[in-house]
N, C-alpha and C. Protein backbone atom coordinates (compact mmCIF):
# COMPACT_ATOMS: atom_id res chain seq x y z
N MET A 1 2.45 -15.04 -1.52
CA MET A 1 1.25 -14.19 -1.54
C MET A 1 0.46 -14.39 -0.26
N ALA A 2 0.00 -13.31 0.34
CA ALA A 2 -0.74 -13.41 1.60
C ALA A 2 -2.12 -13.99 1.35
N LEU A 3 -2.51 -14.90 2.23
CA LEU A 3 -3.87 -15.43 2.20
C LEU A 3 -4.72 -14.54 3.07
N VAL A 4 -5.71 -13.90 2.50
CA VAL A 4 -6.56 -12.97 3.24
C VAL A 4 -7.98 -13.49 3.28
N LEU A 5 -8.50 -13.66 4.49
CA LEU A 5 -9.92 -13.96 4.67
C LEU A 5 -10.56 -12.64 5.04
N ALA A 6 -11.21 -12.01 4.11
CA ALA A 6 -11.59 -10.61 4.26
C ALA A 6 -12.70 -10.42 5.27
N ALA A 7 -12.36 -9.89 6.42
CA ALA A 7 -13.37 -9.52 7.40
C ALA A 7 -14.34 -8.50 6.86
N PRO A 8 -13.89 -7.50 6.04
CA PRO A 8 -14.87 -6.57 5.48
C PRO A 8 -15.97 -7.28 4.70
N ALA A 9 -15.62 -8.34 3.94
CA ALA A 9 -16.64 -9.06 3.19
C ALA A 9 -17.63 -9.73 4.12
N LEU A 10 -17.11 -10.29 5.22
CA LEU A 10 -18.00 -10.92 6.19
C LEU A 10 -18.96 -9.90 6.76
N CYS A 11 -18.46 -8.70 7.03
CA CYS A 11 -19.31 -7.67 7.61
C CYS A 11 -20.39 -7.24 6.64
N ARG A 12 -20.02 -7.06 5.38
CA ARG A 12 -21.01 -6.62 4.41
C ARG A 12 -22.09 -7.68 4.23
N ALA A 13 -21.69 -8.97 4.33
CA ALA A 13 -22.66 -10.03 4.17
C ALA A 13 -23.44 -10.28 5.44
N GLY A 14 -23.01 -9.66 6.53
CA GLY A 14 -23.67 -9.85 7.81
C GLY A 14 -23.37 -11.19 8.43
N GLY A 15 -22.32 -11.88 7.94
CA GLY A 15 -21.99 -13.20 8.44
C GLY A 15 -20.76 -13.20 9.31
N SER A 16 -20.53 -14.36 9.95
CA SER A 16 -19.40 -14.51 10.86
C SER A 16 -18.38 -15.50 10.34
N GLY A 17 -18.76 -16.31 9.35
CA GLY A 17 -17.89 -17.38 8.92
C GLY A 17 -17.96 -18.59 9.83
N CYS A 18 -18.87 -18.58 10.81
CA CYS A 18 -19.01 -19.68 11.77
C CYS A 18 -20.19 -20.57 11.38
N ALA A 19 -20.01 -21.87 11.55
CA ALA A 19 -21.08 -22.81 11.22
C ALA A 19 -22.09 -22.96 12.34
N ASP A 20 -21.71 -22.56 13.54
CA ASP A 20 -22.57 -22.79 14.71
C ASP A 20 -22.69 -21.52 15.55
N ASP A 21 -23.22 -20.46 14.97
CA ASP A 21 -23.35 -19.18 15.67
C ASP A 21 -24.08 -19.32 17.00
N ALA A 22 -25.19 -20.04 17.00
CA ALA A 22 -26.01 -20.13 18.22
C ALA A 22 -25.21 -20.72 19.37
N GLY A 23 -24.47 -21.78 19.11
CA GLY A 23 -23.69 -22.41 20.17
C GLY A 23 -22.58 -21.51 20.68
N LEU A 24 -21.94 -20.79 19.77
CA LEU A 24 -20.83 -19.93 20.17
C LEU A 24 -21.29 -18.73 20.99
N LEU A 25 -22.57 -18.37 20.87
CA LEU A 25 -23.09 -17.20 21.58
C LEU A 25 -23.90 -17.57 22.81
N GLN A 26 -23.96 -18.83 23.16
CA GLN A 26 -24.66 -19.23 24.38
C GLN A 26 -23.94 -18.67 25.60
N ALA A 27 -24.71 -18.28 26.59
CA ALA A 27 -24.13 -17.69 27.81
C ALA A 27 -23.12 -18.63 28.46
N GLN A 28 -23.42 -19.92 28.46
CA GLN A 28 -22.52 -20.90 29.08
C GLN A 28 -21.19 -20.97 28.33
N THR A 29 -21.25 -20.94 27.01
CA THR A 29 -20.03 -20.97 26.19
C THR A 29 -19.18 -19.74 26.44
N LEU A 30 -19.81 -18.57 26.45
CA LEU A 30 -19.08 -17.32 26.65
C LEU A 30 -18.46 -17.25 28.04
N ALA A 31 -19.19 -17.70 29.05
CA ALA A 31 -18.67 -17.68 30.42
C ALA A 31 -17.44 -18.59 30.53
N ALA A 32 -17.52 -19.78 29.93
CA ALA A 32 -16.39 -20.70 29.99
C ALA A 32 -15.18 -20.16 29.24
N ALA A 33 -15.43 -19.35 28.21
CA ALA A 33 -14.35 -18.76 27.42
C ALA A 33 -13.77 -17.51 28.06
N GLY A 34 -14.39 -17.03 29.13
CA GLY A 34 -13.90 -15.83 29.80
C GLY A 34 -14.36 -14.54 29.16
N VAL A 35 -15.39 -14.61 28.33
CA VAL A 35 -15.93 -13.41 27.66
C VAL A 35 -16.99 -12.81 28.57
N ARG A 36 -16.69 -11.71 29.21
CA ARG A 36 -17.58 -11.12 30.22
C ARG A 36 -18.45 -9.99 29.68
N LEU A 37 -17.98 -9.29 28.66
CA LEU A 37 -18.75 -8.18 28.10
C LEU A 37 -19.66 -8.69 26.98
N PRO A 38 -20.70 -7.93 26.64
CA PRO A 38 -21.57 -8.32 25.54
C PRO A 38 -20.79 -8.43 24.22
N VAL A 39 -21.04 -9.49 23.48
CA VAL A 39 -20.37 -9.71 22.19
C VAL A 39 -21.06 -8.87 21.12
N VAL A 40 -20.28 -8.06 20.41
CA VAL A 40 -20.84 -7.24 19.33
C VAL A 40 -20.60 -7.85 17.96
N ARG A 41 -19.51 -8.61 17.79
CA ARG A 41 -19.25 -9.35 16.56
C ARG A 41 -18.42 -10.58 16.91
N HIS A 42 -18.49 -11.59 16.09
CA HIS A 42 -17.61 -12.74 16.23
C HIS A 42 -17.31 -13.29 14.85
N PHE A 43 -16.13 -13.91 14.72
CA PHE A 43 -15.66 -14.43 13.44
C PHE A 43 -14.97 -15.77 13.66
N CYS A 44 -15.06 -16.66 12.71
CA CYS A 44 -14.36 -17.94 12.75
C CYS A 44 -13.43 -18.06 11.55
N TYR A 45 -12.31 -18.74 11.74
CA TYR A 45 -11.41 -18.99 10.63
C TYR A 45 -10.57 -20.24 10.93
N GLN A 46 -9.94 -20.77 9.89
CA GLN A 46 -9.05 -21.91 10.01
C GLN A 46 -7.72 -21.59 9.34
N ASP A 47 -6.64 -22.11 9.92
CA ASP A 47 -5.35 -22.10 9.24
C ASP A 47 -4.68 -23.45 9.52
N ARG A 48 -3.41 -23.59 9.18
CA ARG A 48 -2.78 -24.90 9.31
C ARG A 48 -2.61 -25.34 10.76
N SER A 49 -2.79 -24.42 11.71
CA SER A 49 -2.64 -24.78 13.13
C SER A 49 -3.96 -25.17 13.78
N GLY A 50 -5.09 -24.96 13.10
CA GLY A 50 -6.37 -25.34 13.69
C GLY A 50 -7.48 -24.36 13.37
N SER A 51 -8.56 -24.47 14.16
CA SER A 51 -9.75 -23.63 13.98
C SER A 51 -9.85 -22.65 15.14
N TYR A 52 -10.32 -21.43 14.85
CA TYR A 52 -10.34 -20.38 15.85
C TYR A 52 -11.65 -19.59 15.79
N VAL A 53 -11.99 -18.98 16.92
CA VAL A 53 -13.10 -18.03 16.96
C VAL A 53 -12.59 -16.75 17.61
N LEU A 54 -12.93 -15.63 17.02
CA LEU A 54 -12.54 -14.32 17.53
C LEU A 54 -13.80 -13.59 17.97
N TYR A 55 -13.86 -13.23 19.25
CA TYR A 55 -14.98 -12.46 19.79
C TYR A 55 -14.56 -11.00 19.96
N LEU A 56 -15.39 -10.08 19.51
CA LEU A 56 -15.24 -8.66 19.81
C LEU A 56 -16.34 -8.29 20.78
N ALA A 57 -15.97 -7.77 21.93
CA ALA A 57 -16.95 -7.48 22.99
C ALA A 57 -16.79 -6.04 23.45
N ALA A 58 -17.89 -5.42 23.82
CA ALA A 58 -17.88 -4.01 24.22
C ALA A 58 -18.93 -3.77 25.29
N LYS A 59 -18.63 -2.84 26.16
CA LYS A 59 -19.55 -2.55 27.26
C LYS A 59 -20.81 -1.83 26.78
N SER A 60 -20.69 -1.03 25.72
CA SER A 60 -21.83 -0.31 25.11
C SER A 60 -22.63 0.47 26.16
N ASP A 61 -21.91 1.21 26.98
CA ASP A 61 -22.54 1.92 28.09
C ASP A 61 -22.56 3.43 27.90
N ARG A 62 -22.18 3.92 26.70
CA ARG A 62 -22.17 5.35 26.44
C ARG A 62 -22.85 5.65 25.11
N GLN A 63 -23.25 6.91 24.96
CA GLN A 63 -23.90 7.31 23.71
C GLN A 63 -23.50 8.74 23.38
N GLN A 64 -23.27 8.98 22.08
CA GLN A 64 -22.99 10.34 21.62
C GLN A 64 -23.49 10.48 20.18
N GLY A 65 -24.29 11.51 19.95
CA GLY A 65 -24.80 11.75 18.61
C GLY A 65 -25.57 10.59 18.02
N GLY A 66 -26.25 9.86 18.86
CA GLY A 66 -27.02 8.71 18.39
C GLY A 66 -26.21 7.45 18.21
N GLU A 67 -24.89 7.51 18.44
CA GLU A 67 -24.03 6.35 18.30
C GLU A 67 -23.79 5.71 19.65
N ARG A 68 -23.83 4.39 19.69
CA ARG A 68 -23.54 3.65 20.91
C ARG A 68 -22.03 3.44 21.02
N LEU A 69 -21.43 3.89 22.11
CA LEU A 69 -20.01 3.79 22.35
C LEU A 69 -19.76 3.02 23.64
N SER A 70 -18.49 2.75 23.93
CA SER A 70 -18.15 1.92 25.09
C SER A 70 -17.00 2.52 25.89
N SER A 71 -17.07 2.35 27.19
CA SER A 71 -15.95 2.74 28.05
C SER A 71 -14.90 1.64 28.10
N MET A 72 -15.26 0.42 27.66
CA MET A 72 -14.34 -0.71 27.71
C MET A 72 -14.55 -1.60 26.48
N LEU A 73 -13.43 -2.01 25.88
CA LEU A 73 -13.45 -2.92 24.73
C LEU A 73 -12.60 -4.14 25.05
N GLN A 74 -13.02 -5.30 24.56
CA GLN A 74 -12.24 -6.52 24.72
C GLN A 74 -12.32 -7.35 23.45
N ALA A 75 -11.23 -8.03 23.12
CA ALA A 75 -11.20 -9.00 22.03
C ALA A 75 -10.59 -10.28 22.57
N HIS A 76 -11.18 -11.40 22.21
CA HIS A 76 -10.73 -12.71 22.69
C HIS A 76 -10.54 -13.64 21.50
N LEU A 77 -9.35 -14.23 21.39
CA LEU A 77 -9.13 -15.26 20.38
C LEU A 77 -9.03 -16.60 21.10
N LEU A 78 -9.82 -17.57 20.63
CA LEU A 78 -9.84 -18.89 21.24
C LEU A 78 -9.68 -19.96 20.16
N LYS A 79 -8.94 -21.01 20.50
CA LYS A 79 -8.76 -22.14 19.59
C LYS A 79 -9.84 -23.17 19.86
N ARG A 80 -10.40 -23.71 18.80
CA ARG A 80 -11.50 -24.66 18.91
C ARG A 80 -10.98 -26.09 18.77
N ALA A 81 -11.23 -26.92 19.77
CA ALA A 81 -10.87 -28.33 19.72
C ALA A 81 -11.92 -29.10 18.91
N PRO A 82 -11.60 -30.31 18.45
CA PRO A 82 -12.59 -31.10 17.70
C PRO A 82 -13.89 -31.33 18.45
N ASP A 83 -13.82 -31.38 19.79
CA ASP A 83 -15.04 -31.58 20.58
C ASP A 83 -15.79 -30.28 20.86
N GLY A 84 -15.30 -29.16 20.31
CA GLY A 84 -15.96 -27.87 20.50
C GLY A 84 -15.43 -27.05 21.65
N ALA A 85 -14.54 -27.62 22.47
CA ALA A 85 -13.97 -26.87 23.60
C ALA A 85 -13.14 -25.70 23.08
N LEU A 86 -13.17 -24.60 23.83
CA LEU A 86 -12.46 -23.38 23.44
C LEU A 86 -11.30 -23.13 24.39
N ALA A 87 -10.11 -22.93 23.83
CA ALA A 87 -8.91 -22.67 24.63
C ALA A 87 -8.41 -21.26 24.34
N PRO A 88 -8.33 -20.39 25.37
CA PRO A 88 -7.88 -19.01 25.15
C PRO A 88 -6.47 -18.94 24.56
N GLN A 89 -6.30 -18.07 23.58
CA GLN A 89 -5.00 -17.82 22.97
C GLN A 89 -4.46 -16.45 23.37
N TRP A 90 -5.28 -15.44 23.28
CA TRP A 90 -4.91 -14.10 23.75
C TRP A 90 -6.16 -13.26 23.96
N THR A 91 -5.98 -12.20 24.74
CA THR A 91 -7.06 -11.25 25.02
C THR A 91 -6.51 -9.84 24.93
N VAL A 92 -7.27 -8.95 24.34
CA VAL A 92 -6.94 -7.52 24.30
C VAL A 92 -8.00 -6.78 25.11
N ARG A 93 -7.57 -5.92 26.02
CA ARG A 93 -8.48 -5.08 26.80
C ARG A 93 -8.03 -3.63 26.67
N ASP A 94 -8.99 -2.75 26.47
CA ASP A 94 -8.65 -1.33 26.39
C ASP A 94 -9.81 -0.51 26.94
N PHE A 95 -9.48 0.73 27.31
CA PHE A 95 -10.46 1.57 28.00
C PHE A 95 -10.44 2.98 27.40
N ALA A 96 -11.60 3.62 27.42
CA ALA A 96 -11.69 5.01 27.01
C ALA A 96 -10.96 5.89 28.01
N ALA A 97 -10.25 6.90 27.50
CA ALA A 97 -9.57 7.86 28.37
C ALA A 97 -10.57 8.90 28.86
N SER A 98 -10.12 9.75 29.78
CA SER A 98 -11.03 10.72 30.40
C SER A 98 -11.63 11.69 29.38
N GLY A 99 -10.90 12.02 28.32
CA GLY A 99 -11.42 12.95 27.32
C GLY A 99 -12.19 12.30 26.19
N ASP A 100 -12.33 10.98 26.25
CA ASP A 100 -13.03 10.26 25.19
C ASP A 100 -14.52 10.15 25.46
N ALA A 101 -15.30 10.25 24.40
CA ALA A 101 -16.72 9.94 24.52
C ALA A 101 -16.91 8.44 24.66
N GLY A 102 -16.04 7.66 24.03
CA GLY A 102 -16.10 6.21 24.09
C GLY A 102 -15.42 5.59 22.89
N GLY A 103 -15.38 4.27 22.88
CA GLY A 103 -14.69 3.57 21.81
C GLY A 103 -15.57 2.55 21.12
N TRP A 104 -15.08 2.07 19.98
CA TRP A 104 -15.80 1.02 19.25
C TRP A 104 -14.83 0.31 18.31
N PHE A 105 -15.16 -0.95 18.00
CA PHE A 105 -14.39 -1.71 17.02
C PHE A 105 -14.79 -1.31 15.60
N SER A 106 -13.85 -1.48 14.66
CA SER A 106 -14.12 -1.21 13.25
C SER A 106 -13.94 -2.51 12.46
N PRO A 107 -14.92 -3.42 12.49
CA PRO A 107 -14.78 -4.68 11.75
C PRO A 107 -14.54 -4.48 10.26
N ARG A 108 -15.03 -3.39 9.70
CA ARG A 108 -14.83 -3.12 8.27
C ARG A 108 -13.34 -3.02 7.94
N LEU A 109 -12.54 -2.57 8.90
CA LEU A 109 -11.11 -2.38 8.67
C LEU A 109 -10.27 -3.53 9.21
N GLN A 110 -10.91 -4.45 9.89
CA GLN A 110 -10.23 -5.61 10.46
C GLN A 110 -9.76 -6.54 9.35
N GLU A 111 -8.71 -7.32 9.62
CA GLU A 111 -8.23 -8.31 8.66
C GLU A 111 -7.97 -9.64 9.35
N LEU A 112 -8.24 -10.71 8.65
CA LEU A 112 -7.83 -12.05 9.04
C LEU A 112 -6.96 -12.56 7.90
N ALA A 113 -5.65 -12.48 8.06
CA ALA A 113 -4.76 -12.71 6.93
C ALA A 113 -3.50 -13.44 7.33
N ASP A 114 -2.97 -14.23 6.39
CA ASP A 114 -1.64 -14.82 6.51
C ASP A 114 -0.70 -13.86 5.79
N LEU A 115 -0.07 -12.99 6.54
CA LEU A 115 0.69 -11.90 5.93
C LEU A 115 2.06 -12.31 5.43
N ASP A 116 2.60 -13.44 5.92
CA ASP A 116 3.94 -13.83 5.51
C ASP A 116 3.97 -15.17 4.78
N GLY A 117 2.79 -15.73 4.47
CA GLY A 117 2.73 -16.95 3.69
C GLY A 117 3.16 -18.21 4.40
N ASP A 118 3.13 -18.20 5.75
CA ASP A 118 3.54 -19.40 6.50
C ASP A 118 2.37 -20.30 6.87
N GLY A 119 1.17 -19.96 6.38
CA GLY A 119 0.00 -20.78 6.67
C GLY A 119 -0.70 -20.45 7.97
N LEU A 120 -0.22 -19.43 8.68
CA LEU A 120 -0.82 -19.01 9.94
C LEU A 120 -1.47 -17.64 9.76
N ILE A 121 -2.69 -17.51 10.22
CA ILE A 121 -3.42 -16.24 10.11
C ILE A 121 -3.14 -15.38 11.33
N GLU A 122 -2.86 -14.12 11.08
CA GLU A 122 -2.65 -13.14 12.16
C GLU A 122 -3.83 -12.17 12.15
N PRO A 123 -4.79 -12.32 13.07
CA PRO A 123 -5.90 -11.35 13.11
C PRO A 123 -5.39 -9.94 13.41
N LEU A 124 -5.86 -9.00 12.64
CA LEU A 124 -5.51 -7.59 12.85
C LEU A 124 -6.76 -6.85 13.29
N LEU A 125 -6.74 -6.35 14.51
CA LEU A 125 -7.87 -5.60 15.07
C LEU A 125 -7.69 -4.12 14.82
N VAL A 126 -8.79 -3.43 14.60
CA VAL A 126 -8.79 -1.98 14.48
C VAL A 126 -9.93 -1.45 15.34
N TYR A 127 -9.58 -0.58 16.27
CA TYR A 127 -10.62 0.06 17.08
C TYR A 127 -10.22 1.49 17.37
N ARG A 128 -11.21 2.29 17.70
CA ARG A 128 -10.94 3.73 17.85
C ARG A 128 -11.74 4.32 19.00
N PHE A 129 -11.29 5.51 19.41
CA PHE A 129 -11.94 6.25 20.48
C PHE A 129 -12.25 7.66 19.98
N SER A 130 -13.49 8.07 20.15
CA SER A 130 -13.92 9.40 19.71
C SER A 130 -13.81 10.41 20.85
N PRO A 131 -13.46 11.66 20.52
CA PRO A 131 -13.45 12.69 21.55
C PRO A 131 -14.87 13.11 21.90
N ARG A 132 -15.00 13.74 23.01
CA ARG A 132 -16.31 14.29 23.37
C ARG A 132 -16.70 15.36 22.35
N GLU A 133 -17.93 15.56 22.11
CA GLU A 133 -18.42 16.45 21.04
C GLU A 133 -17.88 17.83 21.21
N ASN A 134 -17.41 18.61 21.11
CA ASN A 134 -16.87 19.95 21.22
C ASN A 134 -15.36 19.93 21.28
N GLU A 135 -14.70 18.77 21.17
CA GLU A 135 -13.24 18.73 21.25
C GLU A 135 -12.59 18.57 19.88
N GLY A 136 -13.38 18.48 18.80
CA GLY A 136 -12.84 18.45 17.45
C GLY A 136 -12.04 17.20 17.13
N LEU A 137 -11.27 17.27 16.03
CA LEU A 137 -10.52 16.11 15.57
C LEU A 137 -9.23 15.89 16.34
N CYS A 138 -8.82 16.85 17.16
CA CYS A 138 -7.50 16.78 17.79
C CYS A 138 -7.34 15.56 18.66
N CYS A 139 -8.43 15.03 19.17
CA CYS A 139 -8.31 13.97 20.18
C CYS A 139 -8.76 12.60 19.70
N GLU A 140 -9.12 12.47 18.43
CA GLU A 140 -9.56 11.15 17.96
C GLU A 140 -8.38 10.19 17.94
N ARG A 141 -8.59 8.98 18.45
CA ARG A 141 -7.50 8.00 18.56
C ARG A 141 -7.90 6.70 17.87
N ILE A 142 -6.91 6.00 17.36
CA ILE A 142 -7.15 4.70 16.74
C ILE A 142 -6.01 3.76 17.12
N LYS A 143 -6.31 2.48 17.21
CA LYS A 143 -5.29 1.48 17.50
C LYS A 143 -5.41 0.31 16.53
N LEU A 144 -4.27 -0.16 16.07
CA LEU A 144 -4.18 -1.38 15.29
C LEU A 144 -3.40 -2.38 16.12
N VAL A 145 -3.98 -3.53 16.39
CA VAL A 145 -3.36 -4.54 17.26
C VAL A 145 -3.34 -5.88 16.53
N MET A 146 -2.18 -6.51 16.54
CA MET A 146 -2.02 -7.82 15.91
C MET A 146 -1.09 -8.67 16.76
N PHE A 147 -1.36 -9.97 16.83
CA PHE A 147 -0.44 -10.90 17.48
C PHE A 147 0.29 -11.67 16.39
N TYR A 148 1.61 -11.49 16.37
CA TYR A 148 2.43 -12.14 15.34
C TYR A 148 3.37 -13.12 16.02
N HIS A 149 3.16 -14.40 15.78
CA HIS A 149 3.97 -15.46 16.38
C HIS A 149 4.06 -15.29 17.89
N GLY A 150 2.94 -14.96 18.51
CA GLY A 150 2.87 -14.86 19.96
C GLY A 150 3.23 -13.51 20.53
N ARG A 151 3.66 -12.56 19.72
CA ARG A 151 4.04 -11.23 20.20
C ARG A 151 2.97 -10.22 19.82
N LYS A 152 2.62 -9.36 20.76
CA LYS A 152 1.61 -8.34 20.51
C LYS A 152 2.24 -7.15 19.81
N VAL A 153 1.72 -6.85 18.64
CA VAL A 153 2.15 -5.68 17.86
C VAL A 153 1.07 -4.62 18.01
N ALA A 154 1.44 -3.43 18.45
CA ALA A 154 0.46 -2.38 18.70
C ALA A 154 0.90 -1.07 18.06
N ILE A 155 -0.01 -0.47 17.31
CA ILE A 155 0.20 0.86 16.71
C ILE A 155 -0.86 1.79 17.27
N ARG A 156 -0.44 2.93 17.78
CA ARG A 156 -1.36 3.92 18.33
C ARG A 156 -1.22 5.21 17.54
N ALA A 157 -2.35 5.79 17.17
CA ALA A 157 -2.31 7.04 16.41
C ALA A 157 -3.33 8.02 16.95
N GLU A 158 -2.99 9.29 16.86
CA GLU A 158 -3.89 10.37 17.24
C GLU A 158 -4.01 11.32 16.05
N SER A 159 -5.23 11.70 15.74
CA SER A 159 -5.46 12.56 14.58
C SER A 159 -5.41 14.03 14.98
N GLY A 160 -5.53 14.88 13.98
CA GLY A 160 -5.55 16.31 14.22
C GLY A 160 -5.76 17.05 12.92
N GLU A 161 -6.16 18.31 13.00
CA GLU A 161 -6.41 19.10 11.79
C GLU A 161 -5.12 19.50 11.09
N MET A 162 -4.03 19.63 11.85
CA MET A 162 -2.74 20.02 11.29
C MET A 162 -1.77 18.86 11.44
N ASP A 163 -0.80 18.78 10.50
CA ASP A 163 0.17 17.69 10.54
C ASP A 163 0.89 17.62 11.88
N GLY A 164 1.25 18.77 12.44
CA GLY A 164 2.00 18.78 13.68
C GLY A 164 1.24 18.28 14.88
N SER A 165 -0.08 18.19 14.77
CA SER A 165 -0.88 17.73 15.90
C SER A 165 -1.19 16.24 15.82
N ARG A 166 -0.68 15.57 14.78
CA ARG A 166 -0.93 14.14 14.61
C ARG A 166 0.29 13.34 15.06
N SER A 167 0.05 12.12 15.48
CA SER A 167 1.16 11.25 15.86
C SER A 167 0.78 9.80 15.62
N THR A 168 1.77 9.00 15.25
CA THR A 168 1.59 7.56 15.10
C THR A 168 2.82 6.89 15.68
N VAL A 169 2.62 6.04 16.69
CA VAL A 169 3.73 5.36 17.35
C VAL A 169 3.43 3.87 17.41
N ALA A 170 4.49 3.07 17.52
CA ALA A 170 4.34 1.62 17.59
C ALA A 170 5.27 1.06 18.65
N ASN A 171 4.91 -0.11 19.18
CA ASN A 171 5.76 -0.74 20.18
C ASN A 171 6.93 -1.45 19.51
N ALA A 172 7.83 -1.99 20.33
CA ALA A 172 9.06 -2.59 19.81
C ALA A 172 8.76 -3.78 18.90
N ALA A 173 7.68 -4.51 19.17
CA ALA A 173 7.36 -5.69 18.37
C ALA A 173 7.12 -5.33 16.91
N PHE A 174 6.59 -4.14 16.65
CA PHE A 174 6.37 -3.72 15.26
C PHE A 174 7.68 -3.66 14.50
N PHE A 175 8.71 -3.12 15.12
CA PHE A 175 9.98 -2.91 14.43
C PHE A 175 10.77 -4.20 14.25
N SER A 176 10.36 -5.28 14.93
CA SER A 176 11.00 -6.58 14.74
C SER A 176 10.26 -7.46 13.74
N LEU A 177 9.15 -6.97 13.18
CA LEU A 177 8.40 -7.73 12.19
C LEU A 177 9.19 -7.88 10.90
N PRO A 178 8.94 -8.95 10.14
CA PRO A 178 9.53 -9.03 8.79
C PRO A 178 9.14 -7.82 7.97
N GLY A 179 10.01 -7.41 7.07
CA GLY A 179 9.77 -6.19 6.31
C GLY A 179 8.45 -6.18 5.56
N ALA A 180 8.06 -7.32 4.98
CA ALA A 180 6.82 -7.37 4.22
C ALA A 180 5.60 -7.15 5.10
N VAL A 181 5.67 -7.65 6.33
CA VAL A 181 4.54 -7.48 7.26
C VAL A 181 4.46 -6.03 7.72
N ARG A 182 5.62 -5.43 8.04
CA ARG A 182 5.63 -4.01 8.41
C ARG A 182 5.07 -3.16 7.26
N ARG A 183 5.49 -3.49 6.04
CA ARG A 183 5.04 -2.72 4.88
C ARG A 183 3.54 -2.83 4.71
N HIS A 184 2.99 -4.01 4.97
CA HIS A 184 1.54 -4.19 4.85
C HIS A 184 0.80 -3.27 5.81
N LEU A 185 1.29 -3.18 7.05
CA LEU A 185 0.63 -2.33 8.04
C LEU A 185 0.75 -0.85 7.67
N VAL A 186 1.92 -0.45 7.19
CA VAL A 186 2.10 0.95 6.77
C VAL A 186 1.20 1.25 5.58
N ASP A 187 1.15 0.33 4.62
CA ASP A 187 0.28 0.53 3.45
C ASP A 187 -1.19 0.62 3.87
N LYS A 188 -1.56 -0.16 4.86
CA LYS A 188 -2.95 -0.12 5.33
C LYS A 188 -3.27 1.25 5.91
N MET A 189 -2.36 1.80 6.72
CA MET A 189 -2.60 3.12 7.29
C MET A 189 -2.68 4.19 6.20
N GLU A 190 -1.83 4.07 5.20
CA GLU A 190 -1.89 5.04 4.09
C GLU A 190 -3.21 4.91 3.35
N ALA A 191 -3.66 3.68 3.11
CA ALA A 191 -4.93 3.47 2.41
C ALA A 191 -6.10 4.03 3.22
N MET A 192 -6.06 3.86 4.54
CA MET A 192 -7.10 4.43 5.39
C MET A 192 -7.08 5.95 5.32
N TYR A 193 -5.89 6.52 5.28
CA TYR A 193 -5.75 7.98 5.17
C TYR A 193 -6.34 8.47 3.84
N ARG A 194 -5.99 7.80 2.75
CA ARG A 194 -6.47 8.21 1.43
C ARG A 194 -7.99 8.07 1.33
N ALA A 195 -8.54 7.07 2.02
CA ALA A 195 -9.99 6.83 1.97
C ALA A 195 -10.77 7.72 2.93
N GLY A 196 -10.05 8.51 3.75
CA GLY A 196 -10.72 9.37 4.71
C GLY A 196 -11.18 8.65 5.96
N ASP A 197 -10.63 7.45 6.21
CA ASP A 197 -11.02 6.71 7.41
C ASP A 197 -10.36 7.26 8.67
N PHE A 198 -9.15 7.79 8.53
CA PHE A 198 -8.45 8.34 9.69
C PHE A 198 -7.30 9.21 9.19
N THR A 199 -7.08 10.35 9.85
CA THR A 199 -6.03 11.28 9.43
C THR A 199 -4.72 10.96 10.16
N PHE A 200 -4.06 9.90 9.69
CA PHE A 200 -2.76 9.52 10.26
C PHE A 200 -1.71 10.58 9.98
N ASP A 201 -0.69 10.61 10.83
CA ASP A 201 0.49 11.43 10.59
C ASP A 201 1.22 10.87 9.36
N ASN A 202 1.44 11.71 8.37
CA ASN A 202 2.15 11.24 7.17
C ASN A 202 3.54 11.86 7.05
N SER A 203 4.07 12.36 8.16
CA SER A 203 5.38 13.03 8.13
C SER A 203 6.49 12.08 7.69
N TYR A 204 6.37 10.79 8.02
CA TYR A 204 7.40 9.81 7.70
C TYR A 204 6.85 8.75 6.74
N ARG A 205 6.03 9.19 5.80
CA ARG A 205 5.39 8.29 4.84
C ARG A 205 4.59 7.20 5.56
N PHE A 206 3.95 7.61 6.63
CA PHE A 206 3.04 6.79 7.42
C PHE A 206 3.75 5.73 8.27
N VAL A 207 5.07 5.73 8.30
CA VAL A 207 5.79 4.78 9.15
C VAL A 207 5.73 5.28 10.59
N PRO A 208 5.30 4.44 11.55
CA PRO A 208 5.21 4.88 12.95
C PRO A 208 6.59 5.19 13.53
N ARG A 209 6.60 6.04 14.53
CA ARG A 209 7.79 6.27 15.34
C ARG A 209 7.76 5.29 16.52
N ARG A 210 8.89 5.11 17.15
CA ARG A 210 8.94 4.24 18.33
C ARG A 210 8.16 4.88 19.48
N ASP A 211 7.40 4.07 20.16
CA ASP A 211 6.57 4.56 21.26
C ASP A 211 7.48 4.96 22.42
N PRO A 212 7.51 6.23 22.81
CA PRO A 212 8.38 6.66 23.91
C PRO A 212 7.94 6.12 25.26
N ALA A 213 6.72 5.61 25.35
CA ALA A 213 6.23 5.07 26.61
C ALA A 213 6.86 3.72 26.94
N GLU A 214 7.50 3.10 25.96
CA GLU A 214 8.10 1.78 26.21
C GLU A 214 9.49 1.91 26.81
């Protein structure tokens, strides 16, 4: 059974799961960790390999319809030593495209879970990019990113009003995942579709196609 530390619950409670929020958000700590953009959320968790902090950072330099958006998003996972030192594990960087109004993280849809029962948590990030106001649903994009045993798994999807205008693709690492982990990600996309969170392509029962860009 997967061990899930529900990020949505943390968000609803307004908490991070961290015992020392003030220290983790000090300018000196962030600079040493390589976090250059303003932190919008942070989360802490433990698994059998140690303690970790996940920073979500965004430039927050754009606005549309009263919403603050960003031209640049970054996520940083760092391992915490007993003395409090932070060691970088991985970083995700992404940018708004020319037709995007901007992007933002979706902590409500994020997961901190042990998906294969090996005692290691694989953070699953969800972030999206909105089209400029007059471009409709055709250009809305979403990405699901997870690091599984050191490999970056990335799913990219574009929405649309018609089935033929939607697409969902994944990199090679997705197709090498254990079947149960792949199924979890596909089920998550279907659940998001049913809940109206994003209009994924359902042509193949929500299973991504191989990314032709690879």
